PDB file of N, CA and C in Angstrom:
ATOM      1  N   GLN A   1     -10.675 -16.557   3.521  1.00  0.00           N
ATOM      2  CA  GLN A   1      -9.252 -16.331   3.452  1.00  0.00           C
ATOM      3  C   GLN A   1      -8.956 -15.383   2.291  1.00  0.00           C
ATOM      4  N   VAL A   2      -8.091 -14.387   2.536  1.00  0.00           N
ATOM      5  CA  VAL A   2      -7.694 -13.403   1.541  1.00  0.00           C
ATOM      6  C   VAL A   2      -6.205 -13.544   1.278  1.00  0.00           C
ATOM      7  N   GLN A   3      -5.836 -13.556   0.001  1.00  0.00           N
ATOM      8  CA  GLN A   3      -4.433 -13.612  -0.396  1.00  0.00           C
ATOM      9  C   GLN A   3      -4.056 -12.314  -1.109  1.00  0.00           C
ATOM     10  N   LEU A   4      -2.900 -11.747  -0.761  1.00  0.00           N
ATOM     11  CA  LEU A   4      -2.426 -10.489  -1.317  1.00  0.00           C
ATOM     12  C   LEU A   4      -1.013 -10.675  -1.854  1.00  0.00           C
ATOM     13  N   VAL A   5      -0.752 -10.160  -3.061  1.00  0.00           N
ATOM     14  CA  VAL A   5       0.564 -10.265  -3.685  1.00  0.00           C
ATOM     15  C   VAL A   5       0.959  -8.913  -4.241  1.00  0.00           C
ATOM     16  N   GLU A   6       2.057  -8.341  -3.727  1.00  0.00           N
ATOM     17  CA  GLU A   6       2.548  -7.047  -4.183  1.00  0.00           C
ATOM     18  C   GLU A   6       3.531  -7.209  -5.335  1.00  0.00           C
ATOM     19  N   SER A   7       3.610  -6.164  -6.164  1.00  0.00           N
ATOM     20  CA  SER A   7       4.581  -6.114  -7.244  1.00  0.00           C
ATOM     21  C   SER A   7       4.834  -4.654  -7.605  1.00  0.00           C
ATOM     22  N   GLY A   8       5.862  -4.399  -8.410  1.00  0.00           N
ATOM     23  CA  GLY A   8       6.130  -3.066  -8.923  1.00  0.00           C
ATOM     24  C   GLY A   8       7.257  -2.320  -8.247  1.00  0.00           C
ATOM     25  N   GLY A   9       7.838  -2.876  -7.197  1.00  0.00           N
ATOM     26  CA  GLY A   9       8.950  -2.220  -6.544  1.00  0.00           C
ATOM     27  C   GLY A   9      10.193  -2.243  -7.409  1.00  0.00           C
ATOM     28  N   GLY A  10      11.207  -1.476  -6.988  1.00  0.00           N
ATOM     29  CA  GLY A  10      12.446  -1.416  -7.734  1.00  0.00           C
ATOM     30  C   GLY A  10      13.343  -0.312  -7.244  1.00  0.00           C
ATOM     31  N   LEU A  11      14.363  -0.001  -8.039  1.00  0.00           N
ATOM     32  CA  LEU A  11      15.346   1.030  -7.733  1.00  0.00           C
ATOM     33  C   LEU A  11      15.124   2.232  -8.638  1.00  0.00           C
ATOM     34  N   VAL A  12      14.969   3.411  -8.033  1.00  0.00           N
ATOM     35  CA  VAL A  12      14.789   4.646  -8.790  1.00  0.00           C
ATOM     36  C   VAL A  12      15.622   5.752  -8.158  1.00  0.00           C
ATOM     37  N   GLN A  13      15.890   6.794  -8.927  1.00  0.00           N
ATOM     38  CA  GLN A  13      16.580   7.964  -8.415  1.00  0.00           C
ATOM     39  C   GLN A  13      15.602   8.892  -7.705  1.00  0.00           C
ATOM     40  N   ALA A  14      16.113   9.702  -6.802  1.00  0.00           N
ATOM     41  CA  ALA A  14      15.284  10.683  -6.124  1.00  0.00           C
ATOM     42  C   ALA A  14      14.555  11.554  -7.144  1.00  0.00           C
ATOM     43  N   GLY A  15      13.272  11.784  -6.893  1.00  0.00           N
ATOM     44  CA  GLY A  15      12.442  12.542  -7.812  1.00  0.00           C
ATOM     45  C   GLY A  15      11.714  11.686  -8.823  1.00  0.00           C
ATOM     46  N   GLY A  16      12.055  10.411  -8.903  1.00  0.00           N
ATOM     47  CA  GLY A  16      11.427   9.508  -9.841  1.00  0.00           C
ATOM     48  C   GLY A  16      10.116   8.953  -9.324  1.00  0.00           C
ATOM     49  N   SER A  17       9.551   8.008 -10.090  1.00  0.00           N
ATOM     50  CA  SER A  17       8.240   7.451  -9.775  1.00  0.00           C
ATOM     51  C   SER A  17       8.244   5.936  -9.868  1.00  0.00           C
ATOM     52  N   LEU A  18       7.359   5.312  -9.100  1.00  0.00           N
ATOM     53  CA  LEU A  18       7.074   3.891  -9.173  1.00  0.00           C
ATOM     54  C   LEU A  18       5.575   3.690  -9.001  1.00  0.00           C
ATOM     55  N   ARG A  19       5.073   2.592  -9.531  1.00  0.00           N
ATOM     56  CA  ARG A  19       3.681   2.220  -9.343  1.00  0.00           C
ATOM     57  C   ARG A  19       3.621   0.808  -8.775  1.00  0.00           C
ATOM     58  N   LEU A  20       3.199   0.705  -7.530  1.00  0.00           N
ATOM     59  CA  LEU A  20       3.051  -0.582  -6.883  1.00  0.00           C
ATOM     60  C   LEU A  20       1.654  -1.138  -7.143  1.00  0.00           C
ATOM     61  N   SER A  21       1.561  -2.460  -7.223  1.00  0.00           N
ATOM     62  CA  SER A  21       0.283  -3.115  -7.425  1.00  0.00           C
ATOM     63  C   SER A  21       0.106  -4.216  -6.401  1.00  0.00           C
ATOM     64  N   CYS A  22      -1.135  -4.460  -6.030  1.00  0.00           N
ATOM     65  CA  CYS A  22      -1.474  -5.513  -5.079  1.00  0.00           C
ATOM     66  C   CYS A  22      -2.622  -6.322  -5.657  1.00  0.00           C
ATOM     67  N   GLY A  23      -2.348  -7.558  -6.011  1.00  0.00           N
ATOM     68  CA  GLY A  23      -3.382  -8.458  -6.486  1.00  0.00           C
ATOM     69  C   GLY A  23      -4.093  -9.107  -5.316  1.00  0.00           C
ATOM     70  N   VAL A  24      -5.423  -9.100  -5.357  1.00  0.00           N
ATOM     71  CA  VAL A  24      -6.247  -9.609  -4.263  1.00  0.00           C
ATOM     72  C   VAL A  24      -7.037 -10.816  -4.739  1.00  0.00           C
ATOM     73  N   SER A  25      -7.015 -11.889  -3.969  1.00  0.00           N
ATOM     74  CA  SER A  25      -7.791 -13.079  -4.287  1.00  0.00           C
ATOM     75  C   SER A  25      -8.364 -13.673  -3.010  1.00  0.00           C
ATOM     76  N   GLY A  26      -9.268 -14.623  -3.171  1.00  0.00           N
ATOM     77  CA  GLY A  26      -9.909 -15.239  -2.031  1.00  0.00           C
ATOM     78  C   GLY A  26     -11.251 -14.602  -1.743  1.00  0.00           C
ATOM     79  N   ARG A  27     -11.592 -14.480  -0.466  1.00  0.00           N
ATOM     80  CA  ARG A  27     -12.897 -13.968  -0.043  1.00  0.00           C
ATOM     81  C   ARG A  27     -12.875 -12.443  -0.020  1.00  0.00           C
ATOM     82  N   THR A  28     -12.912 -11.833  -1.205  1.00  0.00           N
ATOM     83  CA  THR A  28     -12.808 -10.381  -1.318  1.00  0.00           C
ATOM     84  C   THR A  28     -14.014  -9.648  -0.737  1.00  0.00           C
ATOM     85  N   LEU A  29     -15.161 -10.298  -0.634  1.00  0.00           N
ATOM     86  CA  LEU A  29     -16.344  -9.651  -0.081  1.00  0.00           C
ATOM     87  C   LEU A  29     -16.196  -9.355   1.404  1.00  0.00           C
ATOM     88  N   SER A  30     -15.225  -9.967   2.049  1.00  0.00           N
ATOM     89  CA  SER A  30     -14.974  -9.705   3.460  1.00  0.00           C
ATOM     90  C   SER A  30     -14.110  -8.471   3.686  1.00  0.00           C
ATOM     91  N   ILE A  31     -13.608  -7.838   2.618  1.00  0.00           N
ATOM     92  CA  ILE A  31     -12.719  -6.685   2.717  1.00  0.00           C
ATOM     93  C   ILE A  31     -13.527  -5.393   2.783  1.00  0.00           C
ATOM     94  N   TYR A  32     -13.202  -4.536   3.743  1.00  0.00           N
ATOM     95  CA  TYR A  32     -13.789  -3.210   3.839  1.00  0.00           C
ATOM     96  C   TYR A  32     -12.794  -2.130   3.422  1.00  0.00           C
ATOM     97  N   THR A  33     -11.517  -2.296   3.793  1.00  0.00           N
ATOM     98  CA  THR A  33     -10.482  -1.310   3.515  1.00  0.00           C
ATOM     99  C   THR A  33      -9.200  -2.008   3.082  1.00  0.00           C
ATOM    100  N   MET A  34      -8.539  -1.448   2.072  1.00  0.00           N
ATOM    101  CA  MET A  34      -7.213  -1.882   1.660  1.00  0.00           C
ATOM    102  C   MET A  34      -6.212  -0.799   2.033  1.00  0.00           C
ATOM    103  N   GLY A  35      -5.032  -1.204   2.463  1.00  0.00           N
ATOM    104  CA  GLY A  35      -4.025  -0.236   2.859  1.00  0.00           C
ATOM    105  C   GLY A  35      -2.638  -0.615   2.394  1.00  0.00           C
ATOM    106  N   TRP A  36      -1.767   0.382   2.341  1.00  0.00           N
ATOM    107  CA  TRP A  36      -0.346   0.193   2.094  1.00  0.00           C
ATOM    108  C   TRP A  36       0.421   0.636   3.328  1.00  0.00           C
ATOM    109  N   PHE A  37       1.374  -0.195   3.743  1.00  0.00           N
ATOM    110  CA  PHE A  37       2.241   0.088   4.874  1.00  0.00           C
ATOM    111  C   PHE A  37       3.685  -0.096   4.452  1.00  0.00           C
ATOM    112  N   LEU A  38       4.603   0.580   5.135  1.00  0.00           N
ATOM    113  CA  LEU A  38       6.015   0.304   4.961  1.00  0.00           C
ATOM    114  C   LEU A  38       6.555  -0.369   6.215  1.00  0.00           C
ATOM    115  N   HIS A  39       7.580  -1.199   6.028  1.00  0.00           N
ATOM    116  CA  HIS A  39       8.121  -1.963   7.146  1.00  0.00           C
ATOM    117  C   HIS A  39       9.596  -2.253   6.917  1.00  0.00           C
ATOM    118  N   ALA A  40      10.439  -1.375   7.414  1.00  0.00           N
ATOM    119  CA  ALA A  40      11.876  -1.595   7.344  1.00  0.00           C
ATOM    120  C   ALA A  40      12.296  -2.556   8.446  1.00  0.00           C
ATOM    121  N   PRO A  41      13.364  -3.330   8.222  1.00  0.00           N
ATOM    122  CA  PRO A  41      13.825  -4.251   9.256  1.00  0.00           C
ATOM    123  C   PRO A  41      14.099  -3.544  10.574  1.00  0.00           C
ATOM    124  N   GLY A  42      13.613  -4.131  11.667  1.00  0.00           N
ATOM    125  CA  GLY A  42      13.826  -3.569  12.986  1.00  0.00           C
ATOM    126  C   GLY A  42      12.867  -2.471  13.374  1.00  0.00           C
ATOM    127  N   LYS A  43      11.896  -2.146  12.511  1.00  0.00           N
ATOM    128  CA  LYS A  43      10.931  -1.099  12.799  1.00  0.00           C
ATOM    129  C   LYS A  43       9.509  -1.637  12.668  1.00  0.00           C
ATOM    130  N   ASP A  44       8.564  -0.960  13.341  1.00  0.00           N
ATOM    131  CA  ASP A  44       7.158  -1.315  13.206  1.00  0.00           C
ATOM    132  C   ASP A  44       6.625  -0.847  11.859  1.00  0.00           C
ATOM    133  N   ARG A  45       5.574  -1.498  11.412  1.00  0.00           N
ATOM    134  CA  ARG A  45       4.945  -1.092  10.166  1.00  0.00           C
ATOM    135  C   ARG A  45       4.272   0.268  10.317  1.00  0.00           C
ATOM    136  N   GLU A  46       4.438   1.130   9.310  1.00  0.00           N
ATOM    137  CA  GLU A  46       3.892   2.473   9.318  1.00  0.00           C
ATOM    138  C   GLU A  46       2.881   2.639   8.188  1.00  0.00           C
ATOM    139  N   PHE A  47       1.764   3.258   8.516  1.00  0.00           N
ATOM    140  CA  PHE A  47       0.704   3.484   7.538  1.00  0.00           C
ATOM    141  C   PHE A  47       1.157   4.455   6.457  1.00  0.00           C
ATOM    142  N   VAL A  48       0.797   4.156   5.203  1.00  0.00           N
ATOM    143  CA  VAL A  48       1.104   5.014   4.064  1.00  0.00           C
ATOM    144  C   VAL A  48      -0.177   5.556   3.430  1.00  0.00           C
ATOM    145  N   ALA A  49      -1.091   4.671   3.057  1.00  0.00           N
ATOM    146  CA  ALA A  49      -2.314   5.080   2.372  1.00  0.00           C
ATOM    147  C   ALA A  49      -3.380   4.014   2.541  1.00  0.00           C
ATOM    148  N   GLY A  50      -4.651   4.426   2.509  1.00  0.00           N
ATOM    149  CA  GLY A  50      -5.765   3.506   2.616  1.00  0.00           C
ATOM    150  C   GLY A  50      -6.875   3.871   1.655  1.00  0.00           C
ATOM    151  N   ILE A  51      -7.701   2.882   1.313  1.00  0.00           N
ATOM    152  CA  ILE A  51      -8.816   3.110   0.404  1.00  0.00           C
ATOM    153  C   ILE A  51      -9.959   2.172   0.761  1.00  0.00           C
ATOM    154  N   SER A  52     -11.187   2.699   0.741  1.00  0.00           N
ATOM    155  CA  SER A  52     -12.363   1.864   0.920  1.00  0.00           C
ATOM    156  C   SER A  52     -12.552   0.984  -0.301  1.00  0.00           C
ATOM    157  N   TRP A  53     -12.649  -0.315  -0.089  1.00  0.00           N
ATOM    158  CA  TRP A  53     -12.793  -1.255  -1.195  1.00  0.00           C
ATOM    159  C   TRP A  53     -14.082  -1.025  -1.968  1.00  0.00           C
ATOM    160  N   ARG A  54     -15.123  -0.575  -1.276  1.00  0.00           N
ATOM    161  CA  ARG A  54     -16.435  -0.450  -1.889  1.00  0.00           C
ATOM    162  C   ARG A  54     -16.704   0.896  -2.545  1.00  0.00           C
ATOM    163  N   ASP A  55     -16.338   2.015  -1.909  1.00  0.00           N
ATOM    164  CA  ASP A  55     -16.674   3.323  -2.464  1.00  0.00           C
ATOM    165  C   ASP A  55     -15.475   4.154  -2.901  1.00  0.00           C
ATOM    166  N   GLY A  56     -14.248   3.681  -2.672  1.00  0.00           N
ATOM    167  CA  GLY A  56     -13.064   4.355  -3.168  1.00  0.00           C
ATOM    168  C   GLY A  56     -12.574   5.530  -2.344  1.00  0.00           C
ATOM    169  N   LEU A  57     -13.155   5.793  -1.189  1.00  0.00           N
ATOM    170  CA  LEU A  57     -12.688   6.876  -0.319  1.00  0.00           C
ATOM    171  C   LEU A  57     -11.244   6.619   0.087  1.00  0.00           C
ATOM    172  N   THR A  58     -10.381   7.639  -0.035  1.00  0.00           N
ATOM    173  CA  THR A  58      -8.954   7.480   0.224  1.00  0.00           C
ATOM    174  C   THR A  58      -8.489   8.355   1.377  1.00  0.00           C
ATOM    175  N   TYR A  59      -7.379   7.949   2.008  1.00  0.00           N
ATOM    176  CA  TYR A  59      -6.750   8.741   3.056  1.00  0.00           C
ATOM    177  C   TYR A  59      -5.273   8.390   3.102  1.00  0.00           C
ATOM    178  N   TYR A  60      -4.438   9.350   3.564  1.00  0.00           N
ATOM    179  CA  TYR A  60      -2.994   9.226   3.441  1.00  0.00           C
ATOM    180  C   TYR A  60      -2.270   9.680   4.694  1.00  0.00           C
ATOM    181  N   ALA A  61      -1.055   9.159   4.869  1.00  0.00           N
ATOM    182  CA  ALA A  61      -0.146   9.711   5.849  1.00  0.00           C
ATOM    183  C   ALA A  61       0.315  11.087   5.378  1.00  0.00           C
ATOM    184  N   ASP A  62       0.543  12.000   6.324  1.00  0.00           N
ATOM    185  CA  ASP A  62       0.944  13.354   5.958  1.00  0.00           C
ATOM    186  C   ASP A  62       2.237  13.380   5.149  1.00  0.00           C
ATOM    187  N   SER A  63       3.126  12.439   5.397  1.00  0.00           N
ATOM    188  CA  SER A  63       4.423  12.433   4.742  1.00  0.00           C
ATOM    189  C   SER A  63       4.347  12.149   3.248  1.00  0.00           C
ATOM    190  N   VAL A  64       3.245  11.538   2.782  1.00  0.00           N
ATOM    191  CA  VAL A  64       3.126  11.188   1.369  1.00  0.00           C
ATOM    192  C   VAL A  64       2.001  11.927   0.669  1.00  0.00           C
ATOM    193  N   LYS A  65       1.215  12.690   1.404  1.00  0.00           N
ATOM    194  CA  LYS A  65       0.086  13.409   0.820  1.00  0.00           C
ATOM    195  C   LYS A  65       0.582  14.373  -0.258  1.00  0.00           C
ATOM    196  N   GLY A  66      -0.032  14.308  -1.430  1.00  0.00           N
ATOM    197  CA  GLY A  66       0.383  15.126  -2.554  1.00  0.00           C
ATOM    198  C   GLY A  66       1.417  14.472  -3.441  1.00  0.00           C
ATOM    199  N   ARG A  67       2.039  13.387  -2.972  1.00  0.00           N
ATOM    200  CA  ARG A  67       3.038  12.664  -3.759  1.00  0.00           C
ATOM    201  C   ARG A  67       2.553  11.283  -4.175  1.00  0.00           C
ATOM    202  N   PHE A  68       1.843  10.598  -3.282  1.00  0.00           N
ATOM    203  CA  PHE A  68       1.361   9.242  -3.543  1.00  0.00           C
ATOM    204  C   PHE A  68      -0.143   9.259  -3.773  1.00  0.00           C
ATOM    205  N   THR A  69      -0.618   8.344  -4.605  1.00  0.00           N
ATOM    206  CA  THR A  69      -2.039   8.189  -4.862  1.00  0.00           C
ATOM    207  C   THR A  69      -2.410   6.718  -4.816  1.00  0.00           C
ATOM    208  N   ILE A  70      -3.385   6.368  -3.982  1.00  0.00           N
ATOM    209  CA  ILE A  70      -3.880   5.004  -3.906  1.00  0.00           C
ATOM    210  C   ILE A  70      -5.160   4.897  -4.722  1.00  0.00           C
ATOM    211  N   SER A  71      -5.328   3.788  -5.417  1.00  0.00           N
ATOM    212  CA  SER A  71      -6.522   3.553  -6.217  1.00  0.00           C
ATOM    213  C   SER A  71      -6.839   2.070  -6.221  1.00  0.00           C
ATOM    214  N   ARG A  72      -8.064   1.738  -6.629  1.00  0.00           N
ATOM    215  CA  ARG A  72      -8.434   0.324  -6.690  1.00  0.00           C
ATOM    216  C   ARG A  72      -9.266   0.048  -7.933  1.00  0.00           C
ATOM    217  N   ASP A  73      -9.185  -1.187  -8.412  1.00  0.00           N
ATOM    218  CA  ASP A  73      -9.979  -1.673  -9.524  1.00  0.00           C
ATOM    219  C   ASP A  73     -10.661  -2.940  -9.032  1.00  0.00           C
ATOM    220  N   ASN A  74     -11.904  -2.804  -8.578  1.00  0.00           N
ATOM    221  CA  ASN A  74     -12.608  -3.936  -7.995  1.00  0.00           C
ATOM    222  C   ASN A  74     -12.830  -5.062  -9.007  1.00  0.00           C
ATOM    223  N   ALA A  75     -13.081  -4.690 -10.274  1.00  0.00           N
ATOM    224  CA  ALA A  75     -13.315  -5.694 -11.300  1.00  0.00           C
ATOM    225  C   ALA A  75     -12.088  -6.573 -11.517  1.00  0.00           C
ATOM    226  N   LYS A  76     -10.898  -5.987 -11.368  1.00  0.00           N
ATOM    227  CA  LYS A  76      -9.656  -6.732 -11.546  1.00  0.00           C
ATOM    228  C   LYS A  76      -9.039  -7.161 -10.220  1.00  0.00           C
ATOM    229  N   ASN A  77      -9.734  -6.858  -9.118  1.00  0.00           N
ATOM    230  CA  ASN A  77      -9.252  -7.222  -7.783  1.00  0.00           C
ATOM    231  C   ASN A  77      -7.815  -6.759  -7.565  1.00  0.00           C
ATOM    232  N   THR A  78      -7.593  -5.465  -7.827  1.00  0.00           N
ATOM    233  CA  THR A  78      -6.249  -4.912  -7.747  1.00  0.00           C
ATOM    234  C   THR A  78      -6.269  -3.546  -7.066  1.00  0.00           C
ATOM    235  N   VAL A  79      -5.274  -3.290  -6.229  1.00  0.00           N
ATOM    236  CA  VAL A  79      -5.051  -1.988  -5.611  1.00  0.00           C
ATOM    237  C   VAL A  79      -3.684  -1.480  -6.046  1.00  0.00           C
ATOM    238  N   HIS A  80      -3.599  -0.186  -6.338  1.00  0.00           N
ATOM    239  CA  HIS A  80      -2.350   0.414  -6.808  1.00  0.00           C
ATOM    240  C   HIS A  80      -1.909   1.535  -5.878  1.00  0.00           C
ATOM    241  N   LEU A  81      -0.608   1.772  -5.859  1.00  0.00           N
ATOM    242  CA  LEU A  81      -0.039   2.924  -5.173  1.00  0.00           C
ATOM    243  C   LEU A  81       0.912   3.616  -6.142  1.00  0.00           C
ATOM    244  N   GLN A  82       0.473   4.751  -6.678  1.00  0.00           N
ATOM    245  CA  GLN A  82       1.316   5.557  -7.553  1.00  0.00           C
ATOM    246  C   GLN A  82       2.199   6.438  -6.681  1.00  0.00           C
ATOM    247  N   MET A  83       3.510   6.292  -6.821  1.00  0.00           N
ATOM    248  CA  MET A  83       4.474   6.982  -5.981  1.00  0.00           C
ATOM    249  C   MET A  83       5.282   7.943  -6.843  1.00  0.00           C
ATOM    250  N   ASN A  84       5.067   9.246  -6.645  1.00  0.00           N
ATOM    251  CA  ASN A  84       5.771  10.285  -7.390  1.00  0.00           C
ATOM    252  C   ASN A  84       6.671  11.084  -6.462  1.00  0.00           C
ATOM    253  N   SER A  85       7.607  11.823  -7.058  1.00  0.00           N
ATOM    254  CA  SER A  85       8.537  12.661  -6.296  1.00  0.00           C
ATOM    255  C   SER A  85       9.180  11.878  -5.158  1.00  0.00           C
ATOM    256  N   LEU A  86       9.679  10.711  -5.469  1.00  0.00           N
ATOM    257  CA  LEU A  86      10.231   9.827  -4.445  1.00  0.00           C
ATOM    258  C   LEU A  86      11.490  10.418  -3.816  1.00  0.00           C
ATOM    259  N   LYS A  87      11.635  10.158  -2.522  1.00  0.00           N
ATOM    260  CA  LYS A  87      12.760  10.634  -1.740  1.00  0.00           C
ATOM    261  C   LYS A  87      13.531   9.445  -1.182  1.00  0.00           C
ATOM    262  N   PRO A  88      14.830   9.613  -0.895  1.00  0.00           N
ATOM    263  CA  PRO A  88      15.589   8.504  -0.309  1.00  0.00           C
ATOM    264  C   PRO A  88      14.947   7.951   0.964  1.00  0.00           C
ATOM    265  N   GLU A  89      14.306   8.795   1.762  1.00  0.00           N
ATOM    266  CA  GLU A  89      13.671   8.339   2.982  1.00  0.00           C
ATOM    267  C   GLU A  89      12.432   7.481   2.730  1.00  0.00           C
ATOM    268  N   ASP A  90      11.960   7.417   1.477  1.00  0.00           N
ATOM    269  CA  ASP A  90      10.868   6.523   1.126  1.00  0.00           C
ATOM    270  C   ASP A  90      11.335   5.080   0.978  1.00  0.00           C
ATOM    271  N   THR A  91      12.638   4.866   0.957  1.00  0.00           N
ATOM    272  CA  THR A  91      13.191   3.527   0.808  1.00  0.00           C
ATOM    273  C   THR A  91      12.691   2.609   1.921  1.00  0.00           C
ATOM    274  N   ASP A  92      12.118   1.481   1.535  1.00  0.00           N
ATOM    275  CA  ASP A  92      11.568   0.545   2.512  1.00  0.00           C
ATOM    276  C   ASP A  92      10.951  -0.637   1.774  1.00  0.00           C
ATOM    277  N   VAL A  93      10.462  -1.600   2.539  1.00  0.00           N
ATOM    278  CA  VAL A  93       9.635  -2.666   2.002  1.00  0.00           C
ATOM    279  C   VAL A  93       8.181  -2.251   2.186  1.00  0.00           C
ATOM    280  N   TYR A  94       7.408  -2.282   1.108  1.00  0.00           N
ATOM    281  CA  TYR A  94       6.015  -1.850   1.139  1.00  0.00           C
ATOM    282  C   TYR A  94       5.094  -3.060   1.098  1.00  0.00           C
ATOM    283  N   TYR A  95       4.107  -3.057   1.995  1.00  0.00           N
ATOM    284  CA  TYR A  95       3.179  -4.168   2.140  1.00  0.00           C
ATOM    285  C   TYR A  95       1.750  -3.739   1.860  1.00  0.00           C
ATOM    286  N   CYS A  96       1.022  -4.587   1.199  1.00  0.00           N
ATOM    287  CA  CYS A  96      -0.406  -4.427   0.994  1.00  0.00           C
ATOM    288  C   CYS A  96      -1.139  -5.176   2.099  1.00  0.00           C
ATOM    289  N   ALA A  97      -2.252  -4.622   2.585  1.00  0.00           N
ATOM    290  CA  ALA A  97      -2.983  -5.239   3.680  1.00  0.00           C
ATOM    291  C   ALA A  97      -4.481  -5.016   3.528  1.00  0.00           C
ATOM    292  N   ALA A  98      -5.271  -5.892   4.149  1.00  0.00           N
ATOM    293  CA  ALA A  98      -6.725  -5.817   4.096  1.00  0.00           C
ATOM    294  C   ALA A  98      -7.311  -5.916   5.492  1.00  0.00           C
ATOM    295  N   THR A  99      -8.438  -5.218   5.702  1.00  0.00           N
ATOM    296  CA  THR A  99      -9.092  -5.224   7.002  1.00  0.00           C
ATOM    297  C   THR A  99     -10.601  -5.131   6.850  1.00  0.00           C
ATOM    298  N   ARG A 100     -11.321  -5.616   7.866  1.00  0.00           N
ATOM    299  CA  ARG A 100     -12.767  -5.444   7.933  1.00  0.00           C
ATOM    300  C   ARG A 100     -13.144  -4.125   8.598  1.00  0.00           C
ATOM    301  N   SER A 101     -12.162  -3.402   9.146  1.00  0.00           N
ATOM    302  CA  SER A 101     -12.402  -2.097   9.740  1.00  0.00           C
ATOM    303  C   SER A 101     -12.566  -1.041   8.662  1.00  0.00           C
ATOM    304  N   TYR A 102     -13.133   0.114   9.041  1.00  0.00           N
ATOM    305  CA  TYR A 102     -13.399   1.197   8.105  1.00  0.00           C
ATOM    306  C   TYR A 102     -12.538   2.399   8.454  1.00  0.00           C
ATOM    307  N   GLY A 103     -11.707   2.855   7.520  1.00  0.00           N
ATOM    308  CA  GLY A 103     -10.896   4.045   7.713  1.00  0.00           C
ATOM    309  C   GLY A 103      -9.767   3.891   8.700  1.00  0.00           C
ATOM    310  N   SER A 104      -9.263   2.682   8.886  1.00  0.00           N
ATOM    311  CA  SER A 104      -8.224   2.432   9.875  1.00  0.00           C
ATOM    312  C   SER A 104      -6.844   2.792   9.342  1.00  0.00           C
ATOM    313  N   LYS A 105      -5.976   3.280  10.252  1.00  0.00           N
ATOM    314  CA  LYS A 105      -4.565   3.521   9.973  1.00  0.00           C
ATOM    315  C   LYS A 105      -3.671   2.667  10.862  1.00  0.00           C
ATOM    316  N   TRP A 106      -4.244   1.738  11.581  1.00  0.00           N
ATOM    317  CA  TRP A 106      -3.510   0.954  12.559  1.00  0.00           C
ATOM    318  C   TRP A 106      -3.227  -0.442  12.029  1.00  0.00           C
ATOM    319  N   GLN A 107      -1.965  -0.861  12.094  1.00  0.00           N
ATOM    320  CA  GLN A 107      -1.591  -2.159  11.553  1.00  0.00           C
ATOM    321  C   GLN A 107      -2.298  -3.303  12.260  1.00  0.00           C
ATOM    322  N   SER A 108      -2.644  -3.108  13.537  1.00  0.00           N
ATOM    323  CA  SER A 108      -3.303  -4.164  14.285  1.00  0.00           C
ATOM    324  C   SER A 108      -4.709  -4.455  13.768  1.00  0.00           C
ATOM    325  N   ASP A 109      -5.306  -3.529  13.023  1.00  0.00           N
ATOM    326  CA  ASP A 109      -6.638  -3.726  12.469  1.00  0.00           C
ATOM    327  C   ASP A 109      -6.619  -4.508  11.160  1.00  0.00           C
ATOM    328  N   PHE A 110      -5.447  -4.668  10.558  1.00  0.00           N
ATOM    329  CA  PHE A 110      -5.329  -5.334   9.265  1.00  0.00           C
ATOM    330  C   PHE A 110      -4.932  -6.788   9.481  1.00  0.00           C
ATOM    331  N   GLY A 111      -5.799  -7.697   9.076  1.00  0.00           N
ATOM    332  CA  GLY A 111      -5.589  -9.107   9.345  1.00  0.00           C
ATOM    333  C   GLY A 111      -4.940  -9.894   8.230  1.00  0.00           C
ATOM    334  N   SER A 112      -4.914  -9.357   7.018  1.00  0.00           N
ATOM    335  CA  SER A 112      -4.317 -10.036   5.868  1.00  0.00           C
ATOM    336  C   SER A 112      -3.204  -9.184   5.297  1.00  0.00           C
ATOM    337  N   TRP A 113      -2.071  -9.819   5.010  1.00  0.00           N
ATOM    338  CA  TRP A 113      -0.887  -9.103   4.531  1.00  0.00           C
ATOM    339  C   TRP A 113      -0.239  -9.835   3.369  1.00  0.00           C
ATOM    340  N   GLY A 114       0.357  -9.053   2.446  1.00  0.00           N
ATOM    341  CA  GLY A 114       1.152  -9.628   1.384  1.00  0.00           C
ATOM    342  C   GLY A 114       2.574  -9.869   1.841  1.00  0.00           C
ATOM    343  N   GLN A 115       3.428 -10.288   0.903  1.00  0.00           N
ATOM    344  CA  GLN A 115       4.819 -10.601   1.217  1.00  0.00           C
ATOM    345  C   GLN A 115       5.737  -9.392   1.137  1.00  0.00           C
ATOM    346  N   GLY A 116       5.275  -8.292   0.563  1.00  0.00           N
ATOM    347  CA  GLY A 116       6.053  -7.074   0.478  1.00  0.00           C
ATOM    348  C   GLY A 116       6.812  -6.939  -0.830  1.00  0.00           C
ATOM    349  N   THR A 117       7.082  -5.694  -1.212  1.00  0.00           N
ATOM    350  CA  THR A 117       7.890  -5.396  -2.389  1.00  0.00           C
ATOM    351  C   THR A 117       8.869  -4.277  -2.038  1.00  0.00           C
ATOM    352  N   GLN A 118      10.122  -4.443  -2.440  1.00  0.00           N
ATOM    353  CA  GLN A 118      11.183  -3.512  -2.058  1.00  0.00           C
ATOM    354  C   GLN A 118      11.172  -2.270  -2.929  1.00  0.00           C
ATOM    355  N   VAL A 119      11.206  -1.104  -2.288  1.00  0.00           N
ATOM    356  CA  VAL A 119      11.353   0.179  -2.963  1.00  0.00           C
ATOM    357  C   VAL A 119      12.645   0.814  -2.479  1.00  0.00           C
ATOM    358  N   THR A 120      13.543   1.121  -3.402  1.00  0.00           N
ATOM    359  CA  THR A 120      14.812   1.745  -3.070  1.00  0.00           C
ATOM    360  C   THR A 120      14.973   3.022  -3.882  1.00  0.00           C
ATOM    361  N   VAL A 121      15.198   4.139  -3.193  1.00  0.00           N
ATOM    362  CA  VAL A 121      15.351   5.440  -3.836  1.00  0.00           C
ATOM    363  C   VAL A 121      16.765   5.929  -3.573  1.00  0.00           C
ATOM    364  N   SER A 122      17.540   6.109  -4.619  1.00  0.00           N
ATOM    365  CA  SER A 122      18.918   6.557  -4.496  1.00  0.00           C
ATOM    366  C   SER A 122      18.986   8.073  -4.518  1.00  0.00           C
ATOM    367  N   SER A 123      20.013   8.614  -3.870  1.00  0.00           N
ATOM    368  CA  SER A 123      20.205  10.060  -3.833  1.00  0.00           C
ATOM    369  C   SER A 123      21.010  10.552  -5.013  1.00  0.00           C
TER     370      SER A 123
END
């Protein structure tokens, strides 16, 4: 069993930055990939960024490439999402997720999810 807890969300102005964190506990050896998704009410979850838990290989949605950076600290069992140049359209609830799949961008492949953290970007 894997437990995920997000933190770091908040309210910022357009062009500002936030750093989200995801604390990971439980059976971490079962994790192959960690990902960040957004999920606004009434919409499906959308992929934002992913990282290999073991070797640190990263991949991103085109909409955030060059603005967001995903990283992990295996020793501290933590994954981060550095969010720069934020736009109002980035406003959403952001979720941390874990999967045994490799390089996946599909929410159906992620079996463990956190509770989410709210990111609000004002214009």
